[in-house]
Amino acid sequence: MSEREVPAEFASTFEKVEPYPFEETDDLRQGPSLHDDLLPLLPLVGRWRGRGQGGYPGTEDFLYAQEVAFLHDGRPFLRYHSRSWIVDPDGKPVRPAAQETGWWRVVKGEDPRKPEVEVLLAHPTGVLDLYYGHVDGTRIEIATDAVVRSPQAKEVTAGKRLYGIVEGALMYAQEMAAEGHPMSPHLSASLNRVAG
């Protein structure tokens, strides 16, 4: 479509746009200040990398590596991204594995010593999870409030996650109810901070 063919009311949509102008960071020493509401999640901010192990009823156990990022832009939520890959016993990459992206935010709760947290995660497999839970120091425990899935996605009905900072590492354990199985252990990992 040439400029002459663009209706006047849409002409501004065809002008050049510069890159996104607002900084987002995983490093608390630079960029915008962390929003006060996020102070309970402060230990998560950064980039993490490590190894874990997984399994589920009806599947073989596996080893994986993972990178996780918790970023902020000064607003009252963290942007989260995780990608993982299957590794052999020597840690050599075998194939890509799960990814998820989403947002974490602190919401008002009844106990100010245990702030409540809401986590919204999207998976490329057609599943959306809404987790709700609480922060207790450097421990975060969340469980699904809702799971939505596309007709083609595998049947996932619930999940639980426990995160904690232990001797500087981000450790977590994840349980899942899926494919007719009750809540069962699924993933666990220890990730080291690589940035932030």
C-alpha atoms as a PDB file:
ATOM      1  CA  MET A   1       0.000   0.000   0.000  1.00  0.00           C
ATOM      2  CA  SER A   2       1.500   3.340  -0.948  1.00  0.00           C
ATOM      3  CA  GLU A   3       1.232   6.498   1.150  1.00  0.00           C
ATOM      4  CA  ARG A   4      -1.329   7.879  -1.321  1.00  0.00           C
ATOM      5  CA  GLU A   5      -3.626   4.909  -0.654  1.00  0.00           C
ATOM      6  CA  VAL A   6      -3.606   5.300   3.143  1.00  0.00           C
ATOM      7  CA  PRO A   7      -6.754   7.009   4.428  1.00  0.00           C
ATOM      8  CA  ALA A   8      -5.940  10.202   6.302  1.00  0.00           C
ATOM      9  CA  GLU A   9      -7.352   8.888   9.598  1.00  0.00           C
ATOM     10  CA  PHE A  10      -4.810   6.013   9.528  1.00  0.00           C
ATOM     11  CA  ALA A  11      -1.788   7.884   8.206  1.00  0.00           C
ATOM     12  CA  SER A  12      -0.156   8.277  11.631  1.00  0.00           C
ATOM     13  CA  THR A  13      -0.105   4.460  12.113  1.00  0.00           C
ATOM     14  CA  PHE A  14       2.342   4.165   9.226  1.00  0.00           C
ATOM     15  CA  GLU A  15       4.932   6.524  10.709  1.00  0.00           C
ATOM     16  CA  LYS A  16       8.234   5.131  11.989  1.00  0.00           C
ATOM     17  CA  VAL A  17       8.217   4.154  15.675  1.00  0.00           C
ATOM     18  CA  GLU A  18      11.332   4.144  17.843  1.00  0.00           C
ATOM     19  CA  PRO A  19      12.107   1.154  20.148  1.00  0.00           C
ATOM     20  CA  TYR A  20      10.203   0.790  23.411  1.00  0.00           C
ATOM     21  CA  PRO A  21      11.293   3.849  25.434  1.00  0.00           C
ATOM     22  CA  PHE A  22      10.949   2.549  29.007  1.00  0.00           C
ATOM     23  CA  GLU A  23      13.660   0.616  30.783  1.00  0.00           C
ATOM     24  CA  GLU A  24      13.070  -2.795  32.276  1.00  0.00           C
ATOM     25  CA  THR A  25      15.712  -4.386  34.463  1.00  0.00           C
ATOM     26  CA  ASP A  26      16.660  -7.495  36.388  1.00  0.00           C
ATOM     27  CA  ASP A  27      19.370  -5.547  38.246  1.00  0.00           C
ATOM     28  CA  LEU A  28      18.330  -3.517  41.280  1.00  0.00           C
ATOM     29  CA  ARG A  29      21.484  -1.375  40.959  1.00  0.00           C
ATOM     30  CA  GLN A  30      20.358   0.196  37.699  1.00  0.00           C
ATOM     31  CA  GLY A  31      17.183   1.259  35.957  1.00  0.00           C
ATOM     32  CA  PRO A  32      13.931   2.264  37.608  1.00  0.00           C
ATOM     33  CA  SER A  33      13.380   1.885  41.336  1.00  0.00           C
ATOM     34  CA  LEU A  34      11.529  -1.201  42.461  1.00  0.00           C
ATOM     35  CA  HIS A  35       7.912  -0.356  43.291  1.00  0.00           C
ATOM     36  CA  ASP A  36       7.301  -0.436  47.050  1.00  0.00           C
ATOM     37  CA  ASP A  37       4.523  -3.018  46.642  1.00  0.00           C
ATOM     38  CA  LEU A  38       7.123  -5.490  45.326  1.00  0.00           C
ATOM     39  CA  LEU A  39       9.394  -5.420  48.374  1.00  0.00           C
ATOM     40  CA  PRO A  40       8.182  -8.890  49.500  1.00  0.00           C
ATOM     41  CA  LEU A  41       9.363 -10.252  46.105  1.00  0.00           C
ATOM     42  CA  LEU A  42      12.678  -8.365  46.128  1.00  0.00           C
ATOM     43  CA  PRO A  43      14.821 -11.533  46.536  1.00  0.00           C
ATOM     44  CA  LEU A  44      13.476 -12.905  43.233  1.00  0.00           C
ATOM     45  CA  VAL A  45      14.529  -9.978  41.036  1.00  0.00           C
ATOM     46  CA  GLY A  46      17.328 -11.090  38.743  1.00  0.00           C
ATOM     47  CA  ARG A  47      18.279 -13.847  36.328  1.00  0.00           C
ATOM     48  CA  TRP A  48      18.772 -17.393  37.531  1.00  0.00           C
ATOM     49  CA  ARG A  49      20.194 -20.530  35.931  1.00  0.00           C
ATOM     50  CA  GLY A  50      20.574 -24.089  37.158  1.00  0.00           C
ATOM     51  CA  ARG A  51      19.532 -27.712  36.917  1.00  0.00           C
ATOM     52  CA  GLY A  52      16.596 -29.734  38.065  1.00  0.00           C
ATOM     53  CA  GLN A  53      14.894 -33.064  37.817  1.00  0.00           C
ATOM     54  CA  GLY A  54      11.387 -33.975  36.821  1.00  0.00           C
ATOM     55  CA  GLY A  55       8.949 -36.805  36.487  1.00  0.00           C
ATOM     56  CA  TYR A  56       5.286 -37.617  36.613  1.00  0.00           C
ATOM     57  CA  PRO A  57       3.148 -40.761  36.851  1.00  0.00           C
ATOM     58  CA  GLY A  58       3.242 -42.535  33.504  1.00  0.00           C
ATOM     59  CA  THR A  59       6.406 -40.774  32.258  1.00  0.00           C
ATOM     60  CA  GLU A  60      10.124 -41.391  32.617  1.00  0.00           C
ATOM     61  CA  ASP A  61      12.112 -39.206  34.999  1.00  0.00           C
ATOM     62  CA  PHE A  62      14.310 -36.589  33.341  1.00  0.00           C
ATOM     63  CA  LEU A  63      17.019 -34.011  34.036  1.00  0.00           C
ATOM     64  CA  TYR A  64      16.758 -30.438  32.819  1.00  0.00           C
ATOM     65  CA  ALA A  65      18.514 -27.081  32.849  1.00  0.00           C
ATOM     66  CA  GLN A  66      16.628 -23.820  33.221  1.00  0.00           C
ATOM     67  CA  GLU A  67      16.947 -20.044  32.942  1.00  0.00           C
ATOM     68  CA  VAL A  68      14.503 -17.825  34.821  1.00  0.00           C
ATOM     69  CA  ALA A  69      14.223 -14.025  34.774  1.00  0.00           C
ATOM     70  CA  PHE A  70      12.280 -11.743  37.109  1.00  0.00           C
ATOM     71  CA  LEU A  71      12.274  -8.186  35.708  1.00  0.00           C
ATOM     72  CA  HIS A  72      10.573  -4.923  36.647  1.00  0.00           C
ATOM     73  CA  ASP A  73       9.997  -1.502  35.106  1.00  0.00           C
ATOM     74  CA  GLY A  74       9.026   0.439  38.226  1.00  0.00           C
ATOM     75  CA  ARG A  75       5.377  -0.597  38.151  1.00  0.00           C
ATOM     76  CA  PRO A  76       3.834  -2.898  40.823  1.00  0.00           C
ATOM     77  CA  PHE A  77       4.468  -6.230  39.090  1.00  0.00           C
ATOM     78  CA  LEU A  78       7.358  -8.440  38.032  1.00  0.00           C
ATOM     79  CA  ARG A  79       7.572  -9.797  34.501  1.00  0.00           C
ATOM     80  CA  TYR A  80       8.633 -13.434  34.568  1.00  0.00           C
ATOM     81  CA  HIS A  81      10.069 -15.678  31.863  1.00  0.00           C
ATOM     82  CA  SER A  82      11.349 -19.230  32.147  1.00  0.00           C
ATOM     83  CA  ARG A  83      12.816 -21.555  29.543  1.00  0.00           C
ATOM     84  CA  SER A  84      14.228 -25.009  30.083  1.00  0.00           C
ATOM     85  CA  TRP A  85      15.912 -27.774  28.146  1.00  0.00           C
ATOM     86  CA  ILE A  86      16.405 -31.478  28.695  1.00  0.00           C
ATOM     87  CA  VAL A  87      20.002 -32.458  29.541  1.00  0.00           C
ATOM     88  CA  ASP A  88      21.803 -35.782  29.738  1.00  0.00           C
ATOM     89  CA  PRO A  89      23.459 -36.965  32.999  1.00  0.00           C
ATOM     90  CA  ASP A  90      26.611 -35.001  32.046  1.00  0.00           C
ATOM     91  CA  GLY A  91      24.586 -31.791  31.631  1.00  0.00           C
ATOM     92  CA  LYS A  92      24.821 -31.724  27.827  1.00  0.00           C
ATOM     93  CA  PRO A  93      21.741 -30.263  26.064  1.00  0.00           C
ATOM     94  CA  VAL A  94      19.435 -32.829  24.447  1.00  0.00           C
ATOM     95  CA  ARG A  95      16.383 -30.801  23.315  1.00  0.00           C
ATOM     96  CA  PRO A  96      14.280 -27.744  24.217  1.00  0.00           C
ATOM     97  CA  ALA A  97      11.664 -28.267  26.934  1.00  0.00           C
ATOM     98  CA  ALA A  98       9.042 -26.166  28.737  1.00  0.00           C
ATOM     99  CA  GLN A  99       8.677 -22.404  28.610  1.00  0.00           C
ATOM    100  CA  GLU A 100       6.376 -20.101  30.522  1.00  0.00           C
ATOM    101  CA  THR A 101       5.906 -16.382  30.788  1.00  0.00           C
ATOM    102  CA  GLY A 102       3.823 -14.255  33.073  1.00  0.00           C
ATOM    103  CA  TRP A 103       3.523 -11.700  35.833  1.00  0.00           C
ATOM    104  CA  TRP A 104       3.893 -11.728  39.605  1.00  0.00           C
ATOM    105  CA  ARG A 105       2.312  -9.122  41.863  1.00  0.00           C
ATOM    106  CA  VAL A 106       1.686  -8.606  45.540  1.00  0.00           C
ATOM    107  CA  VAL A 107      -1.964  -8.076  46.476  1.00  0.00           C
ATOM    108  CA  LYS A 108      -3.487  -6.925  49.718  1.00  0.00           C
ATOM    109  CA  GLY A 109      -3.915  -9.685  52.258  1.00  0.00           C
ATOM    110  CA  GLU A 110      -5.192 -10.148  55.776  1.00  0.00           C
ATOM    111  CA  ASP A 111      -1.806 -10.760  57.421  1.00  0.00           C
ATOM    112  CA  PRO A 112       0.810  -8.047  56.734  1.00  0.00           C
ATOM    113  CA  ARG A 113       3.553 -10.463  57.865  1.00  0.00           C
ATOM    114  CA  LYS A 114       2.594 -12.853  55.048  1.00  0.00           C
ATOM    115  CA  PRO A 115       1.800 -10.731  51.977  1.00  0.00           C
ATOM    116  CA  GLU A 116      -0.383 -12.383  49.394  1.00  0.00           C
ATOM    117  CA  VAL A 117       0.875 -12.890  45.861  1.00  0.00           C
ATOM    118  CA  GLU A 118      -0.877 -13.451  42.551  1.00  0.00           C
ATOM    119  CA  VAL A 119       0.958 -15.191  39.687  1.00  0.00           C
ATOM    120  CA  LEU A 120      -0.386 -15.404  36.142  1.00  0.00           C
ATOM    121  CA  LEU A 121       1.475 -17.824  33.827  1.00  0.00           C
ATOM    122  CA  ALA A 122       0.998 -18.674  30.151  1.00  0.00           C
ATOM    123  CA  HIS A 123       2.441 -21.774  28.513  1.00  0.00           C
ATOM    124  CA  PRO A 124       2.917 -22.342  24.758  1.00  0.00           C
ATOM    125  CA  THR A 125       1.075 -25.658  25.147  1.00  0.00           C
ATOM    126  CA  GLY A 126      -2.299 -23.908  25.481  1.00  0.00           C
ATOM    127  CA  VAL A 127      -2.483 -23.717  29.287  1.00  0.00           C
ATOM    128  CA  LEU A 128      -2.971 -20.590  31.435  1.00  0.00           C
ATOM    129  CA  ASP A 129      -2.497 -20.785  35.227  1.00  0.00           C
ATOM    130  CA  LEU A 130      -3.628 -18.297  37.856  1.00  0.00           C
ATOM    131  CA  TYR A 131      -1.800 -18.985  41.122  1.00  0.00           C
ATOM    132  CA  TYR A 132      -2.526 -17.388  44.456  1.00  0.00           C
ATOM    133  CA  GLY A 133      -0.558 -17.716  47.675  1.00  0.00           C
ATOM    134  CA  HIS A 134       1.605 -15.904  50.171  1.00  0.00           C
ATOM    135  CA  VAL A 135       5.136 -14.773  50.898  1.00  0.00           C
ATOM    136  CA  ASP A 136       6.714 -15.683  54.228  1.00  0.00           C
ATOM    137  CA  GLY A 137      10.184 -14.127  54.350  1.00  0.00           C
ATOM    138  CA  THR A 138      12.146 -15.774  51.530  1.00  0.00           C
ATOM    139  CA  ARG A 139       9.580 -18.567  51.110  1.00  0.00           C
ATOM    140  CA  ILE A 140       6.727 -18.291  48.601  1.00  0.00           C
ATOM    141  CA  GLU A 141       3.946 -20.844  48.453  1.00  0.00           C
ATOM    142  CA  ILE A 142       1.341 -20.658  45.672  1.00  0.00           C
ATOM    143  CA  ALA A 143      -1.462 -22.883  44.370  1.00  0.00           C
ATOM    144  CA  THR A 144      -3.706 -22.593  41.347  1.00  0.00           C
ATOM    145  CA  ASP A 145      -6.910 -20.655  41.751  1.00  0.00           C
ATOM    146  CA  ALA A 146      -7.812 -21.383  38.122  1.00  0.00           C
ATOM    147  CA  VAL A 147      -6.414 -23.335  35.172  1.00  0.00           C
ATOM    148  CA  VAL A 148      -7.652 -22.585  31.659  1.00  0.00           C
ATOM    149  CA  ARG A 149      -6.682 -24.705  28.674  1.00  0.00           C
ATOM    150  CA  SER A 150      -7.354 -24.856  24.972  1.00  0.00           C
ATOM    151  CA  PRO A 151      -9.208 -27.884  23.571  1.00  0.00           C
ATOM    152  CA  GLN A 152      -5.907 -29.242  22.214  1.00  0.00           C
ATOM    153  CA  ALA A 153      -3.930 -28.869  25.475  1.00  0.00           C
ATOM    154  CA  LYS A 154      -3.310 -31.772  27.805  1.00  0.00           C
ATOM    155  CA  GLU A 155      -5.642 -31.965  30.759  1.00  0.00           C
ATOM    156  CA  VAL A 156      -4.085 -29.985  33.621  1.00  0.00           C
ATOM    157  CA  THR A 157      -6.444 -29.320  36.531  1.00  0.00           C
ATOM    158  CA  ALA A 158      -4.303 -27.907  39.359  1.00  0.00           C
ATOM    159  CA  GLY A 159      -0.803 -27.041  40.494  1.00  0.00           C
ATOM    160  CA  LYS A 160       1.207 -26.065  43.562  1.00  0.00           C
ATOM    161  CA  ARG A 161       4.624 -24.430  43.769  1.00  0.00           C
ATOM    162  CA  LEU A 162       6.976 -23.730  46.642  1.00  0.00           C
ATOM    163  CA  TYR A 163       9.849 -21.273  46.064  1.00  0.00           C
ATOM    164  CA  GLY A 164      12.581 -20.318  48.490  1.00  0.00           C
ATOM    165  CA  ILE A 165      15.922 -18.600  48.646  1.00  0.00           C
ATOM    166  CA  VAL A 166      18.285 -21.063  50.346  1.00  0.00           C
ATOM    167  CA  GLU A 167      21.939 -20.060  50.846  1.00  0.00           C
ATOM    168  CA  GLY A 168      21.651 -17.649  47.914  1.00  0.00           C
ATOM    169  CA  ALA A 169      20.056 -20.143  45.504  1.00  0.00           C
ATOM    170  CA  LEU A 170      16.499 -20.007  44.188  1.00  0.00           C
ATOM    171  CA  MET A 171      15.035 -23.428  44.869  1.00  0.00           C
ATOM    172  CA  TYR A 172      11.580 -24.651  43.995  1.00  0.00           C
ATOM    173  CA  ALA A 173       9.362 -27.716  43.971  1.00  0.00           C
ATOM    174  CA  GLN A 174       6.323 -28.031  41.754  1.00  0.00           C
ATOM    175  CA  GLU A 175       3.361 -30.402  41.961  1.00  0.00           C
ATOM    176  CA  MET A 176       0.705 -30.928  39.315  1.00  0.00           C
ATOM    177  CA  ALA A 177      -2.636 -32.673  38.842  1.00  0.00           C
ATOM    178  CA  ALA A 178      -2.998 -33.699  35.185  1.00  0.00           C
ATOM    179  CA  GLU A 179      -4.238 -36.414  32.847  1.00  0.00           C
ATOM    180  CA  GLY A 180      -6.459 -37.925  35.554  1.00  0.00           C
ATOM    181  CA  HIS A 181      -3.682 -38.147  38.165  1.00  0.00           C
ATOM    182  CA  PRO A 182      -4.025 -36.538  41.614  1.00  0.00           C
ATOM    183  CA  MET A 183      -1.617 -33.817  42.750  1.00  0.00           C
ATOM    184  CA  SER A 184       1.836 -35.380  42.335  1.00  0.00           C
ATOM    185  CA  PRO A 185       5.450 -34.171  42.456  1.00  0.00           C
ATOM    186  CA  HIS A 186       6.540 -32.956  39.012  1.00  0.00           C
ATOM    187  CA  LEU A 187       9.627 -30.668  39.042  1.00  0.00           C
ATOM    188  CA  SER A 188      12.311 -29.471  41.447  1.00  0.00           C
ATOM    189  CA  ALA A 189      15.407 -27.373  40.787  1.00  0.00           C
ATOM    190  CA  SER A 190      18.135 -25.238  42.293  1.00  0.00           C
ATOM    191  CA  LEU A 191      19.021 -22.092  40.349  1.00  0.00           C
ATOM    192  CA  ASN A 192      21.961 -19.754  40.922  1.00  0.00           C
ATOM    193  CA  ARG A 193      21.794 -16.011  40.365  1.00  0.00           C
ATOM    194  CA  VAL A 194      23.653 -15.077  37.168  1.00  0.00           C
ATOM    195  CA  ALA A 195      22.548 -11.411  36.958  1.00  0.00           C
ATOM    196  CA  GLY A 196      20.890  -8.898  39.241  1.00  0.00           C
END
